[in-house]
């Protein structure tokens, strides 16, 4: 019964938290409206969401989020220095990252993680060849970038979701 009302509890909680963050000042009416949105949006969009794989190691997921947040911070710093510095030193490149993941949801999640890290953008997830196409602002050694994505992001995702 509860799954029919809240098909995506985490999404509902996220919507409610975001609503509270953007609503100022918070009132009972705004909280009620946020709660209604938190229930309605997942219900209205449930047919669009694929079934994600089961989270097997939640504590490892928390560690992964910490590593990812640190990577975002350091990548922001590195990209800022690169953009301010001489542009001729940059080595932009398109890089194909062969995926060991075979789950479309996780491949898309990996692409999103890569795109959220400054200096890289996931262009495509080829589910025929299982290749993640990435554009990097500076990739003097494309194979090093491939190794970094696979070791820092893909491998932990495989462990977190036990696939």
Protein backbone atom coordinates (compact mmCIF):
# COMPACT_ATOMS: atom_id res chain seq x y z
CA UNK A 1 0.00 0.00 0.00
CA UNK A 2 2.75 2.44 0.96
CA UNK A 3 4.62 1.76 -2.32
CA UNK A 4 1.52 2.79 -4.29
CA UNK A 5 1.37 6.16 -2.51
CA UNK A 6 5.15 6.73 -2.47
CA UNK A 7 6.69 4.77 -5.36
CA UNK A 8 10.01 6.60 -4.92
CA UNK A 9 10.39 7.55 -1.23
CA UNK A 10 13.90 8.97 -1.71
CA UNK A 11 12.72 11.13 -4.60
CA UNK A 12 9.76 12.34 -2.51
CA UNK A 13 12.07 13.21 0.37
CA UNK A 14 14.44 15.03 -2.00
CA UNK A 15 11.58 17.05 -3.51
CA UNK A 16 10.35 18.00 -0.05
CA UNK A 17 13.84 18.99 1.16
CA UNK A 18 14.46 21.08 -1.96
CA UNK A 19 11.07 22.73 -1.54
CA UNK A 20 11.88 23.63 2.05
CA UNK A 21 15.27 25.02 0.98
CA UNK A 22 13.82 27.29 -1.71
CA UNK A 23 10.78 28.40 0.28
CA UNK A 24 11.40 31.43 2.39
CA UNK A 25 10.07 31.99 4.96
CA UNK A 26 8.72 28.51 5.61
CA UNK A 27 5.10 28.32 6.70
CA UNK A 28 2.58 25.58 7.33
CA UNK A 29 0.94 26.25 3.97
CA UNK A 30 4.23 26.06 2.08
CA UNK A 31 5.15 22.89 3.95
CA UNK A 32 1.79 21.34 3.02
CA UNK A 33 2.25 22.35 -0.63
CA UNK A 34 5.78 20.89 -0.60
CA UNK A 35 4.44 17.65 0.86
CA UNK A 36 1.77 17.44 -1.83
CA UNK A 37 4.41 18.00 -4.51
CA UNK A 38 6.64 15.38 -2.89
CA UNK A 39 3.82 12.85 -3.20
CA UNK A 40 2.46 13.95 -6.60
CA UNK A 41 5.70 14.28 -8.61
CA UNK A 42 6.93 10.70 -8.06
CA UNK A 43 3.43 9.39 -8.77
CA UNK A 44 3.13 11.37 -12.00
CA UNK A 45 6.60 10.39 -13.22
CA UNK A 46 6.73 6.75 -12.07
CA UNK A 47 6.44 5.38 -15.62
CA UNK A 48 9.59 7.27 -16.64
CA UNK A 49 11.82 5.78 -13.96
CA UNK A 50 13.62 2.51 -14.61
CA UNK A 51 13.91 0.07 -11.77
CA UNK A 52 17.28 0.85 -10.19
CA UNK A 53 19.43 -2.03 -9.02
CA UNK A 54 19.33 -2.89 -5.35
CA UNK A 55 21.67 -0.90 -3.12
CA UNK A 56 23.81 -3.68 -1.61
CA UNK A 57 26.35 -1.65 0.39
CA UNK A 58 24.83 1.61 1.70
CA UNK A 59 27.83 2.47 3.91
CA UNK A 60 30.13 2.18 0.93
CA UNK A 61 27.72 4.48 -0.93
CA UNK A 62 28.21 7.13 1.75
CA UNK A 63 31.99 6.82 1.39
CA UNK A 64 31.62 7.08 -2.39
CA UNK A 65 29.58 10.28 -2.04
CA UNK A 66 32.38 11.73 0.09
CA UNK A 67 35.02 10.83 -2.51
CA UNK A 68 32.82 12.27 -5.26
CA UNK A 69 32.29 15.52 -3.33
CA UNK A 70 36.04 15.86 -2.77
CA UNK A 71 36.64 15.19 -6.48
CA UNK A 72 34.18 17.93 -7.43
CA UNK A 73 35.98 20.38 -5.15
CA UNK A 74 39.47 19.56 -6.44
CA UNK A 75 38.30 19.46 -10.07
CA UNK A 76 36.74 22.92 -9.68
CA UNK A 77 40.08 24.23 -8.43
CA UNK A 78 42.03 22.51 -11.20
CA UNK A 79 39.67 23.72 -13.96
CA UNK A 80 39.74 27.29 -12.63
CA UNK A 81 43.54 27.27 -12.73
CA UNK A 82 43.55 25.77 -16.23
CA UNK A 83 41.08 28.29 -17.64
CA UNK A 84 42.92 31.24 -16.10
CA UNK A 85 46.28 29.93 -17.31
CA UNK A 86 47.53 29.73 -20.88
CA UNK A 87 44.95 27.88 -22.97
CA UNK A 88 47.57 26.40 -25.31
CA UNK A 89 48.58 24.09 -22.44
CA UNK A 90 45.17 22.39 -22.48
CA UNK A 91 44.78 19.07 -24.27
CA UNK A 92 41.04 18.63 -24.85
CA UNK A 93 40.03 15.16 -25.97
CA UNK A 94 37.14 12.82 -26.60
CA UNK A 95 37.76 9.61 -24.70
CA UNK A 96 35.95 6.28 -24.96
CA UNK A 97 35.64 4.55 -21.60
CA UNK A 98 34.82 0.83 -21.98
CA UNK A 99 32.23 -0.09 -19.36
CA UNK A 100 32.14 -3.23 -17.25
CA UNK A 101 28.69 -2.14 -16.04
CA UNK A 102 25.84 -3.70 -17.98
CA UNK A 103 22.96 -2.01 -16.21
CA UNK A 104 21.48 0.97 -18.12
CA UNK A 105 20.59 2.78 -14.89
CA UNK A 106 24.12 2.47 -13.49
CA UNK A 107 25.72 3.40 -16.82
CA UNK A 108 23.58 6.54 -16.86
CA UNK A 109 24.44 7.24 -13.22
CA UNK A 110 28.15 6.92 -14.09
CA UNK A 111 27.67 9.33 -17.00
CA UNK A 112 25.98 11.80 -14.66
CA UNK A 113 28.79 11.52 -12.12
CA UNK A 114 31.38 12.16 -14.83
CA UNK A 115 29.39 15.16 -16.10
CA UNK A 116 29.08 16.65 -12.61
CA UNK A 117 32.84 16.56 -12.18
CA UNK A 118 34.20 19.83 -13.63
CA UNK A 119 36.41 19.40 -16.67
CA UNK A 120 34.59 16.34 -18.02
CA UNK A 121 31.26 15.82 -19.73
CA UNK A 122 29.70 12.47 -20.59
CA UNK A 123 28.48 12.77 -24.17
CA UNK A 124 26.91 9.35 -24.72
CA UNK A 125 26.36 5.95 -23.16
CA UNK A 126 26.51 3.46 -26.03
CA UNK A 127 24.53 0.47 -24.74
CA UNK A 128 25.34 -1.58 -27.83
CA UNK A 129 29.11 -1.50 -27.26
CA UNK A 130 28.94 -0.43 -23.57
CA UNK A 131 31.15 2.59 -24.11
CA UNK A 132 30.92 5.90 -22.23
CA UNK A 133 32.01 8.75 -24.51
CA UNK A 134 33.56 11.55 -22.43
CA UNK A 135 34.84 14.96 -23.43
CA UNK A 136 37.66 16.18 -21.22
CA UNK A 137 38.87 19.76 -21.04
CA UNK A 138 42.41 18.56 -20.42
CA UNK A 139 43.43 14.96 -21.06
CA UNK A 140 47.11 14.81 -22.01
CA UNK A 141 46.96 11.07 -21.23
CA UNK A 142 43.52 9.74 -22.26
CA UNK A 143 44.25 6.28 -20.86
CA UNK A 144 44.94 7.79 -17.44
CA UNK A 145 41.50 9.42 -17.58
CA UNK A 146 39.94 6.07 -18.50
CA UNK A 147 41.68 4.39 -15.55
CA UNK A 148 40.62 7.18 -13.19
CA UNK A 149 36.94 6.94 -14.20
CA UNK A 150 36.96 3.16 -13.93
CA UNK A 151 38.79 3.04 -10.59
CA UNK A 152 37.23 6.04 -8.82
CA UNK A 153 33.66 5.76 -10.09
CA UNK A 154 32.76 2.61 -12.04
CA UNK A 155 34.34 0.05 -9.70
CA UNK A 156 32.79 1.54 -6.53
CA UNK A 157 29.37 1.67 -8.26
CA UNK A 158 29.70 -2.00 -9.14
CA UNK A 159 30.48 -2.80 -5.50
CA UNK A 160 27.77 -0.56 -4.05
CA UNK A 161 25.09 -2.12 -6.26
CA UNK A 162 26.64 -5.64 -6.27
CA UNK A 163 26.75 -6.10 -10.01
